[in-house]
């Protein structure tokens, strides 16, 4: 370990204080040292070569590490490649090499340690920014004080802002961990780690003990500041997850808000409309994979309208063949739609089997990104955006189309709408189909974050009814506020009460709220002459 530190120190000093021209003129030729029979000379030559700035230094040391560096009888150094040999000094290809005359450069443990130290040093001054960034991160983790001179040399040359920040952080970590540098330097290092502000920085600041008192006091204050920021970012993370869950609930409940609000039908098969949308996504992706694999990245673009049509048409069929005979009989409607949900689940099991189906997530929806202390997953971010688009289109349909006008008229006063010539039975059918189609689109979104199985809809039916009742039956704005509120409350309760107990607390609070306001937060207003 001491020999490694000496090598690193010697290398750093060479980088810092020896001008390039002087090294070229006065320093011993490292290539001659590599051809030496002395292990000490070879180790010194490796250190000198790494500090020389020679563009051939990296391939030469890599060849030595891979045991592909050879010495010729006249002390020339050759690197063996896939297509022959090159001159280690110049990089030029060498012809007519007699392999029997070649000998490997001598290596022992001391030389291997010198190679490792030189490789790390070359990474810090590599022409590739990604390599320099990775090397800086390794130094930050190791906090080796012998790397400080080398870091200073690298910082003097660094022009990339991201790499420079990483080098400063690595330098700060090494200074504080080894209690190196002046008090002013260490105070500056504490400020650098505070700016980094992550768990590793907090852990390092918390491990200080032999540093000057002023440094320890500033480190304590920095830890408190980092913890405050962690709490704020934790709240932001919970808010994002809550919005994500609220968007899922909103997509699942939007269709139910329409059917329940216009027709007063307690549709227990609504979850199966969501499930059919998810299976439509699976079928569309399977067809695209078989016919045009190059379009798989756009599969969801085809799945959304397909799911709307499939679930919407089945919704119209259900209304025309079952629901229209049960208006005004809520108990029979509940039982009939519950039985229908079981029939649809069994039909899907018969066609697709009972096991989960794999739905591919497109590349543009995969992965995550960290923004400061906030981790944003792309699939949930796109679901939030999708929910905004769906609700925006749904509101536009209700407000600016003839169908929307008639639906609102039937919602507010069915008998008066009928007396004005609106064909309420067809409005009921189209409304049921619209609500079911929206549920199908929700199934496309849910297929990206949940298992596509016959029981998919059952996971969301109770939550959907909670959202609709809490927001106000038939009020789409109330559904939006209710879904987002319940999603955020659920996510903030989970860390303290757990997922199951959190849902129970929300349900109890909802029951108490409904007792005070039976028509929800935003009840629809109308003359409702039939009441």
Protein backbone atom coordinates (compact mmCIF):
# COMPACT_ATOMS: atom_id res chain seq x y z
CA UNK A 1 0.00 0.00 0.00
CA UNK A 2 2.86 2.36 0.82
CA UNK A 3 4.49 1.70 -2.53
CA UNK A 4 1.24 2.53 -4.33
CA UNK A 5 0.97 5.81 -2.44
CA UNK A 6 4.59 6.68 -3.25
CA UNK A 7 3.94 5.97 -6.92
CA UNK A 8 0.80 8.10 -6.96
CA UNK A 9 2.56 10.91 -5.14
CA UNK A 10 5.49 10.81 -7.52
CA UNK A 11 3.15 10.79 -10.48
CA UNK A 12 1.14 13.75 -9.15
CA UNK A 13 4.24 15.77 -8.41
CA UNK A 14 5.45 15.10 -11.92
CA UNK A 15 2.14 16.35 -13.34
CA UNK A 16 2.14 19.45 -11.15
CA UNK A 17 5.65 20.82 -11.25
CA UNK A 18 7.45 19.43 -14.26
CA UNK A 19 6.70 21.33 -17.49
CA UNK A 20 6.08 19.20 -20.54
CA UNK A 21 9.09 20.50 -22.44
CA UNK A 22 11.37 19.93 -19.48
CA UNK A 23 10.11 16.38 -19.08
CA UNK A 24 10.75 15.71 -22.71
CA UNK A 25 14.31 17.07 -22.55
CA UNK A 26 15.56 16.10 -19.08
CA UNK A 27 13.53 13.13 -17.79
CA UNK A 28 14.85 9.62 -18.47
CA UNK A 29 13.24 7.83 -21.38
CA UNK A 30 10.44 5.68 -19.83
CA UNK A 31 10.50 3.27 -22.77
CA UNK A 32 14.12 2.42 -22.02
CA UNK A 33 13.12 1.82 -18.42
CA UNK A 34 10.37 -0.58 -19.47
CA UNK A 35 12.93 -2.65 -21.36
CA UNK A 36 15.14 -2.87 -18.26
CA UNK A 37 15.76 -6.06 -16.33
CA UNK A 38 15.22 -4.25 -13.02
CA UNK A 39 11.70 -4.39 -11.58
CA UNK A 40 12.33 -1.10 -9.77
CA UNK A 41 13.32 0.61 -13.04
CA UNK A 42 10.23 -0.77 -14.77
CA UNK A 43 7.93 0.47 -11.99
CA UNK A 44 9.58 3.91 -12.12
CA UNK A 45 9.27 3.96 -15.92
CA UNK A 46 5.54 3.23 -15.68
CA UNK A 47 5.06 6.18 -13.32
CA UNK A 48 7.13 8.46 -15.54
CA UNK A 49 5.28 7.37 -18.69
CA UNK A 50 1.86 7.97 -17.09
CA UNK A 51 2.90 11.49 -16.07
CA UNK A 52 4.53 12.33 -19.41
CA UNK A 53 1.35 13.24 -21.29
CA UNK A 54 2.49 11.00 -24.15
CA UNK A 55 -0.50 9.88 -26.25
CA UNK A 56 1.06 6.41 -26.42
CA UNK A 57 1.18 6.11 -22.62
CA UNK A 58 -2.34 4.66 -22.25
CA UNK A 59 -2.03 1.90 -24.92
CA UNK A 60 1.47 1.01 -23.68
CA UNK A 61 0.39 0.63 -20.05
CA UNK A 62 -2.77 -1.24 -21.14
CA UNK A 63 -0.62 -3.64 -23.17
CA UNK A 64 1.65 -4.15 -20.18
CA UNK A 65 -1.40 -4.90 -18.04
CA UNK A 66 -2.70 -7.38 -20.66
CA UNK A 67 0.75 -8.99 -21.08
CA UNK A 68 0.91 -8.00 -24.76
CA UNK A 69 3.97 -5.70 -24.44
CA UNK A 70 7.20 -7.27 -25.71
CA UNK A 71 10.90 -6.34 -25.87
CA UNK A 72 13.01 -6.99 -28.97
CA UNK A 73 16.70 -7.91 -28.82
CA UNK A 74 17.60 -4.28 -29.66
CA UNK A 75 15.49 -3.04 -26.67
CA UNK A 76 12.55 -1.77 -28.79
CA UNK A 77 9.05 -2.18 -27.35
CA UNK A 78 6.26 -3.77 -29.42
CA UNK A 79 2.53 -4.07 -28.70
CA UNK A 80 0.83 -7.20 -30.01
CA UNK A 81 -2.54 -6.51 -31.66
CA UNK A 82 -5.09 -8.62 -33.53
CA UNK A 83 -3.46 -7.81 -36.86
CA UNK A 84 0.21 -7.80 -35.95
CA UNK A 85 2.61 -5.65 -33.94
CA UNK A 86 2.90 -1.89 -33.43
CA UNK A 87 5.75 0.21 -32.08
CA UNK A 88 4.86 1.16 -28.51
CA UNK A 89 6.72 4.46 -28.79
CA UNK A 90 5.14 5.69 -32.05
CA UNK A 91 2.05 3.54 -32.59
CA UNK A 92 3.23 2.66 -36.10
CA UNK A 93 2.77 -0.83 -37.47
CA UNK A 94 5.89 -3.03 -37.52
CA UNK A 95 6.45 -5.69 -40.16
CA UNK A 96 8.71 -8.75 -40.28
CA UNK A 97 8.68 -9.43 -36.56
CA UNK A 98 10.38 -12.64 -35.45
CA UNK A 99 8.25 -13.73 -32.52
CA UNK A 100 10.86 -16.17 -31.21
CA UNK A 101 13.13 -13.19 -30.52
CA UNK A 102 10.54 -11.36 -28.40
CA UNK A 103 10.35 -11.38 -24.61
CA UNK A 104 7.60 -10.14 -22.31
CA UNK A 105 8.31 -7.06 -20.22
CA UNK A 106 9.12 -8.32 -16.75
CA UNK A 107 6.30 -7.99 -14.18
CA UNK A 108 6.12 -8.65 -10.44
CA UNK A 109 3.77 -7.45 -7.70
CA UNK A 110 5.46 -4.06 -7.39
CA UNK A 111 5.14 -3.52 -11.14
CA UNK A 112 1.49 -4.59 -11.05
CA UNK A 113 0.80 -2.03 -8.33
CA UNK A 114 2.52 0.62 -10.42
CA UNK A 115 0.34 -0.37 -13.39
CA UNK A 116 -2.84 -0.04 -11.32
CA UNK A 117 -1.79 3.36 -9.99
CA UNK A 118 -0.85 4.58 -13.46
CA UNK A 119 -4.15 3.34 -14.93
CA UNK A 120 -6.09 5.34 -12.36
CA UNK A 121 -3.95 8.40 -13.03
CA UNK A 122 -4.48 8.10 -16.78
CA UNK A 123 -8.22 7.85 -16.24
CA UNK A 124 -8.23 11.22 -14.46
CA UNK A 125 -6.52 12.85 -17.45
CA UNK A 126 -8.18 10.71 -20.11
CA UNK A 127 -9.43 12.54 -23.22
CA UNK A 128 -12.82 10.88 -22.68
CA UNK A 129 -15.01 12.92 -20.25
CA UNK A 130 -16.98 9.81 -19.22
CA UNK A 131 -13.75 8.06 -18.19
CA UNK A 132 -12.62 11.10 -16.18
CA UNK A 133 -16.05 11.30 -14.52
CA UNK A 134 -15.90 7.62 -13.56
CA UNK A 135 -12.38 8.00 -12.19
CA UNK A 136 -13.43 11.02 -10.09
CA UNK A 137 -16.32 9.02 -8.66
CA UNK A 138 -13.93 6.22 -7.70
CA UNK A 139 -11.64 8.67 -5.91
CA UNK A 140 -14.65 10.15 -4.08
CA UNK A 141 -15.52 6.67 -2.83
CA UNK A 142 -11.96 5.69 -1.87
CA UNK A 143 -11.09 9.13 -0.34
CA UNK A 144 -7.40 8.30 -0.75
CA UNK A 145 -5.30 11.30 0.42
CA UNK A 146 -2.43 10.33 -1.91
CA UNK A 147 -4.66 11.27 -4.83
CA UNK A 148 -4.87 14.95 -3.77
CA UNK A 149 -1.87 16.19 -5.83
CA UNK A 150 -3.13 14.25 -8.83
CA UNK A 151 -6.63 15.72 -8.42
CA UNK A 152 -5.12 19.21 -8.28
CA UNK A 153 -3.27 18.56 -11.54
CA UNK A 154 -6.42 17.22 -13.19
CA UNK A 155 -8.46 20.21 -11.99
CA UNK A 156 -5.92 22.62 -13.46
CA UNK A 157 -6.56 21.13 -16.91
CA UNK A 158 -10.27 20.32 -16.67
CA UNK A 159 -12.70 22.27 -18.87
CA UNK A 160 -15.80 20.06 -18.67
CA UNK A 161 -18.14 21.54 -16.02
CA UNK A 162 -19.64 18.20 -14.92
CA UNK A 163 -16.27 16.49 -14.60
CA UNK A 164 -14.81 19.51 -12.82
CA UNK A 165 -17.61 19.36 -10.23
CA UNK A 166 -16.94 15.64 -9.69
CA UNK A 167 -13.20 16.29 -9.29
CA UNK A 168 -13.86 19.06 -6.75
CA UNK A 169 -16.12 16.71 -4.79
CA UNK A 170 -13.50 13.95 -4.86
CA UNK A 171 -10.87 16.44 -3.70
CA UNK A 172 -13.14 17.63 -0.86
CA UNK A 173 -13.79 14.04 0.24
CA UNK A 174 -10.08 13.19 0.29
CA UNK A 175 -9.19 16.38 2.19
CA UNK A 176 -11.81 15.91 4.89
CA UNK A 177 -11.31 12.17 5.33
CA UNK A 178 -7.56 12.60 5.81
CA UNK A 179 -7.74 15.97 7.65
CA UNK A 180 -5.46 17.37 4.94
CA UNK A 181 -5.01 20.96 3.89
CA UNK A 182 -5.56 24.18 5.79
CA UNK A 183 -8.67 24.96 7.81
CA UNK A 184 -9.84 27.25 5.02
CA UNK A 185 -9.43 24.41 2.50
CA UNK A 186 -11.46 22.06 4.70
CA UNK A 187 -14.21 24.63 5.23
CA UNK A 188 -14.38 25.01 1.45
CA UNK A 189 -14.54 21.19 1.16
CA UNK A 190 -17.51 21.10 3.56
CA UNK A 191 -19.29 23.67 1.37
CA UNK A 192 -18.57 21.52 -1.70
CA UNK A 193 -20.11 18.43 -0.06
CA UNK A 194 -23.08 20.48 1.12
CA UNK A 195 -23.67 21.49 -2.49
CA UNK A 196 -23.58 17.80 -3.45
CA UNK A 197 -26.15 17.13 -0.73
CA UNK A 198 -26.68 13.36 -1.12
CA UNK A 199 -26.47 10.45 1.33
CA UNK A 200 -22.78 9.81 0.61
CA UNK A 201 -21.91 13.44 1.35
CA UNK A 202 -23.91 13.35 4.57
CA UNK A 203 -22.25 10.09 5.62
CA UNK A 204 -18.77 11.53 5.03
CA UNK A 205 -19.57 14.72 6.95
CA UNK A 206 -20.93 12.64 9.80
CA UNK A 207 -17.73 10.56 10.03
CA UNK A 208 -15.41 13.52 10.69
CA UNK A 209 -13.80 13.62 14.16
CA UNK A 210 -10.14 14.83 14.13
CA UNK A 211 -10.73 17.90 11.98
CA UNK A 212 -10.54 21.48 13.34
CA UNK A 213 -13.44 22.54 15.54
CA UNK A 214 -14.67 25.13 13.05
CA UNK A 215 -14.77 22.46 10.36
CA UNK A 216 -16.70 20.06 12.60
CA UNK A 217 -19.20 22.80 13.49
CA UNK A 218 -19.75 23.65 9.82
CA UNK A 219 -20.06 19.94 9.00
CA UNK A 220 -22.79 19.56 11.66
CA UNK A 221 -24.66 22.54 10.20
CA UNK A 222 -24.24 21.08 6.71
CA UNK A 223 -25.68 17.72 7.85
CA UNK A 224 -28.74 19.50 9.28
CA UNK A 225 -29.18 21.40 6.01
CA UNK A 226 -28.90 18.19 3.95
CA UNK A 227 -31.47 16.49 6.17
CA UNK A 228 -33.88 19.41 5.68
CA UNK A 229 -33.45 19.12 1.93
CA UNK A 230 -33.96 15.36 2.14
CA UNK A 231 -37.28 15.92 3.91
CA UNK A 232 -38.35 18.42 1.26
CA UNK A 233 -37.37 16.09 -1.58
CA UNK A 234 -39.14 13.24 0.21
CA UNK A 235 -42.30 15.33 0.24
CA UNK A 236 -41.82 16.11 -3.44
CA UNK A 237 -41.28 12.40 -4.17
CA UNK A 238 -44.45 11.51 -2.26
CA UNK A 239 -46.34 14.20 -4.17
CA UNK A 240 -45.15 12.78 -7.49
CA UNK A 241 -46.14 9.25 -6.50
CA UNK A 242 -49.47 10.59 -5.24
CA UNK A 243 -50.12 12.38 -8.53
CA UNK A 244 -49.18 9.20 -10.35
CA UNK A 245 -51.60 7.09 -8.29
CA UNK A 246 -54.25 9.81 -8.60
CA UNK A 247 -53.86 9.78 -12.39
CA UNK A 248 -54.35 6.01 -12.43
CA UNK A 249 -57.47 6.34 -10.26
CA UNK A 250 -58.71 9.18 -12.47
CA UNK A 251 -58.35 7.12 -15.64
CA UNK A 252 -60.11 4.17 -14.03
CA UNK A 253 -62.93 6.31 -12.57
CA UNK A 254 -63.56 8.83 -15.37
CA UNK A 255 -65.78 6.48 -17.37
CA UNK A 256 -67.65 5.43 -14.25
CA UNK A 257 -68.26 9.08 -13.39
CA UNK A 258 -70.08 9.47 -16.71
CA UNK A 259 -72.22 6.32 -16.58
CA UNK A 260 -73.00 6.58 -12.89
CA UNK A 261 -73.74 10.29 -13.14
CA UNK A 262 -75.97 10.20 -16.24
CA UNK A 263 -77.82 6.94 -15.68
CA UNK A 264 -77.43 6.23 -11.98
CA UNK A 265 -76.28 2.70 -12.86
CA UNK A 266 -74.11 0.93 -10.29
CA UNK A 267 -71.91 -0.82 -12.85
CA UNK A 268 -69.86 -3.48 -11.08
CA UNK A 269 -68.52 -4.61 -14.49
CA UNK A 270 -66.74 -1.30 -15.06
CA UNK A 271 -63.43 -2.84 -13.92
CA UNK A 272 -63.78 -5.45 -16.65
CA UNK A 273 -63.93 -2.68 -19.26
CA UNK A 274 -60.52 -1.60 -17.94
CA UNK A 275 -59.35 -5.21 -18.15
CA UNK A 276 -60.55 -5.51 -21.77
CA UNK A 277 -58.54 -2.40 -22.66
CA UNK A 278 -55.40 -3.99 -21.18
CA UNK A 279 -55.96 -7.22 -23.14
CA UNK A 280 -56.59 -5.20 -26.30
CA UNK A 281 -53.11 -3.71 -25.77
CA UNK A 282 -51.68 -7.22 -25.55
CA UNK A 283 -53.46 -8.31 -28.75
CA UNK A 284 -52.35 -5.19 -30.65
CA UNK A 285 -48.73 -5.66 -29.57
CA UNK A 286 -48.82 -9.34 -30.53
CA UNK A 287 -50.17 -8.45 -33.98
CA UNK A 288 -47.55 -5.74 -34.51
CA UNK A 289 -44.74 -8.04 -33.33
CA UNK A 290 -45.83 -10.64 -35.89
CA UNK A 291 -46.54 -8.30 -38.82
CA UNK A 292 -44.34 -5.22 -38.36
CA UNK A 293 -41.79 -5.53 -35.51
CA UNK A 294 -40.29 -2.17 -36.41
CA UNK A 295 -43.49 -0.45 -35.19
CA UNK A 296 -43.34 -1.89 -31.67
CA UNK A 297 -42.18 1.47 -30.34
CA UNK A 298 -45.49 2.95 -31.54
CA UNK A 299 -47.68 0.05 -30.39
CA UNK A 300 -49.44 2.08 -27.69
CA UNK A 301 -50.46 4.67 -30.30
CA UNK A 302 -52.43 1.92 -32.03
CA UNK A 303 -53.61 0.31 -28.79
CA UNK A 304 -55.32 3.43 -27.36
CA UNK A 305 -57.96 3.88 -30.12
CA UNK A 306 -58.36 0.11 -30.44
CA UNK A 307 -59.03 -0.24 -26.71
CA UNK A 308 -61.52 2.65 -26.82
CA UNK A 309 -63.46 1.02 -29.67
CA UNK A 310 -63.44 -2.51 -28.21
CA UNK A 311 -64.52 -1.49 -24.70
CA UNK A 312 -66.92 1.15 -26.04
CA UNK A 313 -68.71 -1.24 -28.38
CA UNK A 314 -68.99 -3.88 -25.68
CA UNK A 315 -70.35 -1.17 -23.36
CA UNK A 316 -73.05 -0.23 -25.88
CA UNK A 317 -73.91 -3.92 -26.31
CA UNK A 318 -74.22 -4.39 -22.54
CA UNK A 319 -76.45 -1.36 -22.18
CA UNK A 320 -78.75 -2.40 -25.05
CA UNK A 321 -79.06 -6.04 -23.96
CA UNK A 322 -79.00 -5.82 -20.16
CA UNK A 323 -78.83 -2.44 -18.47
CA UNK A 324 -81.81 -0.80 -20.23
CA UNK A 325 -84.20 -3.30 -18.65
CA UNK A 326 -83.00 -2.48 -15.13
CA UNK A 327 -83.26 1.32 -14.88
CA UNK A 328 -84.74 2.40 -11.58
CA UNK A 329 -83.86 -0.92 -9.95
CA UNK A 330 -80.43 -0.31 -8.39
CA UNK A 331 -80.18 -3.60 -6.49
CA UNK A 332 -80.95 -5.68 -9.58
CA UNK A 333 -78.51 -3.56 -11.59
CA UNK A 334 -75.76 -4.15 -9.04
CA UNK A 335 -76.32 -7.91 -9.01
CA UNK A 336 -76.62 -8.16 -12.80
CA UNK A 337 -73.42 -6.20 -13.49
CA UNK A 338 -71.57 -8.14 -10.80
CA UNK A 339 -72.59 -11.37 -12.50
CA UNK A 340 -71.60 -9.87 -15.85
CA UNK A 341 -68.14 -9.08 -14.46
CA UNK A 342 -67.68 -12.75 -13.54
CA UNK A 343 -68.81 -13.79 -17.05
CA UNK A 344 -66.31 -11.41 -18.69
CA UNK A 345 -63.49 -12.59 -16.45
CA UNK A 346 -64.20 -16.22 -17.28
CA UNK A 347 -64.45 -15.44 -20.98
CA UNK A 348 -61.00 -13.82 -20.89
CA UNK A 349 -59.60 -16.82 -18.98
CA UNK A 350 -61.01 -19.15 -21.65
CA UNK A 351 -59.54 -17.14 -24.52
CA UNK A 352 -56.19 -16.01 -23.10
CA UNK A 353 -55.66 -18.33 -20.14
CA UNK A 354 -55.45 -17.46 -16.46
CA UNK A 355 -51.75 -16.52 -16.38
CA UNK A 356 -50.52 -12.97 -16.71
CA UNK A 357 -49.80 -11.66 -20.18
CA UNK A 358 -46.64 -9.75 -21.00
CA UNK A 359 -47.14 -6.27 -22.38
CA UNK A 360 -44.03 -4.54 -23.69
CA UNK A 361 -43.17 -1.08 -22.41
CA UNK A 362 -41.76 1.05 -25.27
CA UNK A 363 -38.23 2.32 -24.85
CA UNK A 364 -39.36 5.93 -24.57
CA UNK A 365 -41.45 4.98 -21.51
CA UNK A 366 -38.74 2.94 -19.81
CA UNK A 367 -36.25 4.04 -17.20
CA UNK A 368 -36.10 6.96 -14.83
CA UNK A 369 -34.22 10.16 -14.24
CA UNK A 370 -33.05 11.95 -11.11
CA UNK A 371 -33.79 15.65 -10.85
CA UNK A 372 -31.93 16.88 -7.77
CA UNK A 373 -33.33 14.59 -5.05
CA UNK A 374 -36.43 13.58 -7.04
CA UNK A 375 -36.56 10.31 -8.96
CA UNK A 376 -39.01 10.46 -11.87
CA UNK A 377 -40.00 7.22 -13.60
CA UNK A 378 -40.89 7.79 -17.22
CA UNK A 379 -43.84 5.38 -17.38
CA UNK A 380 -45.67 7.12 -14.54
CA UNK A 381 -44.81 10.54 -15.91
CA UNK A 382 -46.36 9.59 -19.24
CA UNK A 383 -49.42 8.19 -17.48
CA UNK A 384 -49.92 11.54 -15.73
CA UNK A 385 -49.68 13.29 -19.11
CA UNK A 386 -52.02 10.71 -20.68
CA UNK A 387 -54.59 11.27 -17.93
CA UNK A 388 -54.46 15.03 -18.54
CA UNK A 389 -55.04 14.49 -22.29
CA UNK A 390 -57.90 12.02 -21.77
CA UNK A 391 -59.71 14.22 -19.27
CA UNK A 392 -59.16 17.27 -21.47
CA UNK A 393 -60.69 15.50 -24.49
CA UNK A 394 -63.55 14.14 -22.39
CA UNK A 395 -64.38 17.60 -21.07
CA UNK A 396 -64.22 19.00 -24.61
CA UNK A 397 -66.68 16.34 -25.79
CA UNK A 398 -69.09 17.08 -22.94
CA UNK A 399 -68.89 20.84 -23.42
CA UNK A 400 -68.57 21.45 -27.15
CA UNK A 401 -70.39 18.58 -28.92
CA UNK A 402 -74.07 17.86 -29.49
CA UNK A 403 -73.68 14.53 -27.70
CA UNK A 404 -72.16 16.30 -24.69
CA UNK A 405 -74.99 18.83 -24.61
CA UNK A 406 -77.60 16.07 -24.63
CA UNK A 407 -75.71 14.09 -22.01
CA UNK A 408 -75.60 17.09 -19.69
CA UNK A 409 -79.28 17.73 -20.26
CA UNK A 410 -80.18 14.14 -19.38
CA UNK A 411 -77.90 14.30 -16.32
CA UNK A 412 -79.58 17.41 -14.95
CA UNK A 413 -83.20 16.57 -15.79
CA UNK A 414 -84.03 13.37 -17.64
CA UNK A 415 -87.79 13.98 -17.99
CA UNK A 416 -87.39 17.53 -19.25
CA UNK A 417 -84.72 16.39 -21.74
CA UNK A 418 -87.07 13.70 -23.03
CA UNK A 419 -89.89 16.23 -23.31
CA UNK A 420 -87.58 18.44 -25.42
CA UNK A 421 -87.14 15.62 -27.93
CA UNK A 422 -83.84 14.11 -26.78
CA UNK A 423 -83.86 10.35 -27.32
CA UNK A 424 -82.78 9.44 -23.81
CA UNK A 425 -82.42 5.67 -24.49
CA UNK A 426 -79.81 6.33 -27.18
CA UNK A 427 -78.09 8.91 -25.01
CA UNK A 428 -77.93 6.23 -22.31
CA UNK A 429 -76.38 3.74 -24.74
CA UNK A 430 -73.84 6.20 -26.15
CA UNK A 431 -73.01 7.46 -22.68
CA UNK A 432 -72.44 3.93 -21.44
CA UNK A 433 -70.30 3.26 -24.49
CA UNK A 434 -68.28 6.47 -23.94
CA UNK A 435 -67.67 5.63 -20.29
CA UNK A 436 -66.65 2.07 -21.19
CA UNK A 437 -64.34 3.34 -23.95
CA UNK A 438 -62.57 5.68 -21.51
CA UNK A 439 -62.18 2.71 -19.17
CA UNK A 440 -60.59 0.78 -22.04
CA UNK A 441 -58.04 3.56 -22.55
CA UNK A 442 -57.32 3.41 -18.82
CA UNK A 443 -56.55 -0.27 -19.33
CA UNK A 444 -53.86 0.66 -21.87
CA UNK A 445 -52.17 2.86 -19.28
CA UNK A 446 -52.54 0.30 -16.49
CA UNK A 447 -50.99 -2.41 -18.68
CA UNK A 448 -47.69 -0.49 -18.34
CA UNK A 449 -47.60 -0.55 -14.53
CA UNK A 450 -49.72 -3.55 -13.49
CA UNK A 451 -50.14 -7.22 -14.36
CA UNK A 452 -52.43 -7.90 -17.32
CA UNK A 453 -54.66 -10.63 -15.91
CA UNK A 454 -58.39 -11.42 -15.74
CA UNK A 455 -58.49 -9.90 -12.25
CA UNK A 456 -56.98 -6.55 -13.29
CA UNK A 457 -60.27 -4.63 -13.08
CA UNK A 458 -61.15 -5.92 -9.63
CA UNK A 459 -58.19 -4.04 -8.19
CA UNK A 460 -59.67 -0.70 -9.21
CA UNK A 461 -63.47 -1.00 -9.08
CA UNK A 462 -63.84 -0.10 -5.38
CA UNK A 463 -61.36 2.77 -5.68
CA UNK A 464 -63.24 4.03 -8.73
CA UNK A 465 -66.53 4.16 -6.84
CA UNK A 466 -64.80 5.92 -3.95
CA UNK A 467 -63.44 8.55 -6.33
CA UNK A 468 -66.82 9.15 -8.00
CA UNK A 469 -68.80 9.36 -4.76
CA UNK A 470 -66.23 11.57 -3.03
CA UNK A 471 -65.98 14.00 -5.93
CA UNK A 472 -69.69 14.29 -6.63
CA UNK A 473 -71.69 11.90 -8.80
CA UNK A 474 -71.60 12.96 -12.44
CA UNK A 475 -69.23 15.90 -11.93
CA UNK A 476 -66.05 15.38 -13.94
CA UNK A 477 -64.14 18.19 -12.24
CA UNK A 478 -65.10 16.67 -8.90
CA UNK A 479 -63.73 13.32 -10.13
CA UNK A 480 -60.41 14.97 -11.03
CA UNK A 481 -60.03 16.63 -7.64
CA UNK A 482 -61.19 13.52 -5.80
CA UNK A 483 -58.81 11.15 -7.65
CA UNK A 484 -55.78 13.36 -7.10
CA UNK A 485 -56.70 13.97 -3.45
CA UNK A 486 -57.16 10.29 -2.68
CA UNK A 487 -53.97 9.37 -4.56
CA UNK A 488 -51.83 11.89 -2.67
CA UNK A 489 -53.39 11.06 0.71
CA UNK A 490 -52.84 7.33 0.14
CA UNK A 491 -49.18 7.82 -0.75
CA UNK A 492 -48.48 10.04 2.25
CA UNK A 493 -50.23 7.60 4.62
CA UNK A 494 -48.44 4.48 3.37
CA UNK A 495 -45.03 5.18 5.04
CA UNK A 496 -46.72 5.60 8.43
CA UNK A 497 -49.70 3.23 8.34
CA UNK A 498 -48.81 0.74 5.60
CA UNK A 499 -50.68 0.16 2.37
CA UNK A 500 -53.60 -1.83 3.84
CA UNK A 501 -54.14 0.25 6.97
CA UNK A 502 -53.72 3.42 4.90
CA UNK A 503 -56.60 2.37 2.64
CA UNK A 504 -58.74 1.59 5.69
CA UNK A 505 -58.06 5.04 7.14
CA UNK A 506 -58.99 6.68 3.82
CA UNK A 507 -62.18 4.61 3.59
CA UNK A 508 -63.24 5.49 7.14
CA UNK A 509 -62.53 9.18 6.50
CA UNK A 510 -64.57 8.97 3.28
CA UNK A 511 -67.53 7.39 5.10
CA UNK A 512 -67.48 10.17 7.68
CA UNK A 513 -67.28 12.76 4.91
CA UNK A 514 -70.22 11.27 2.99
CA UNK A 515 -72.32 11.35 6.13
CA UNK A 516 -71.86 15.13 6.21
CA UNK A 517 -72.04 15.70 2.44
CA UNK A 518 -73.93 12.80 0.83
CA UNK A 519 -73.66 14.28 -2.67
CA UNK A 520 -69.86 14.63 -2.57
CA UNK A 521 -67.55 17.62 -2.78
CA UNK A 522 -68.97 19.04 -6.01
CA UNK A 523 -72.61 17.92 -6.46
CA UNK A 524 -74.30 18.59 -9.78
CA UNK A 525 -76.89 21.34 -9.74
CA UNK A 526 -80.17 21.02 -11.64
CA UNK A 527 -83.91 21.26 -11.19
CA UNK A 528 -84.27 17.45 -11.23
CA UNK A 529 -88.06 17.50 -11.42
CA UNK A 530 -88.24 13.76 -10.96
CA UNK A 531 -86.88 14.01 -7.41
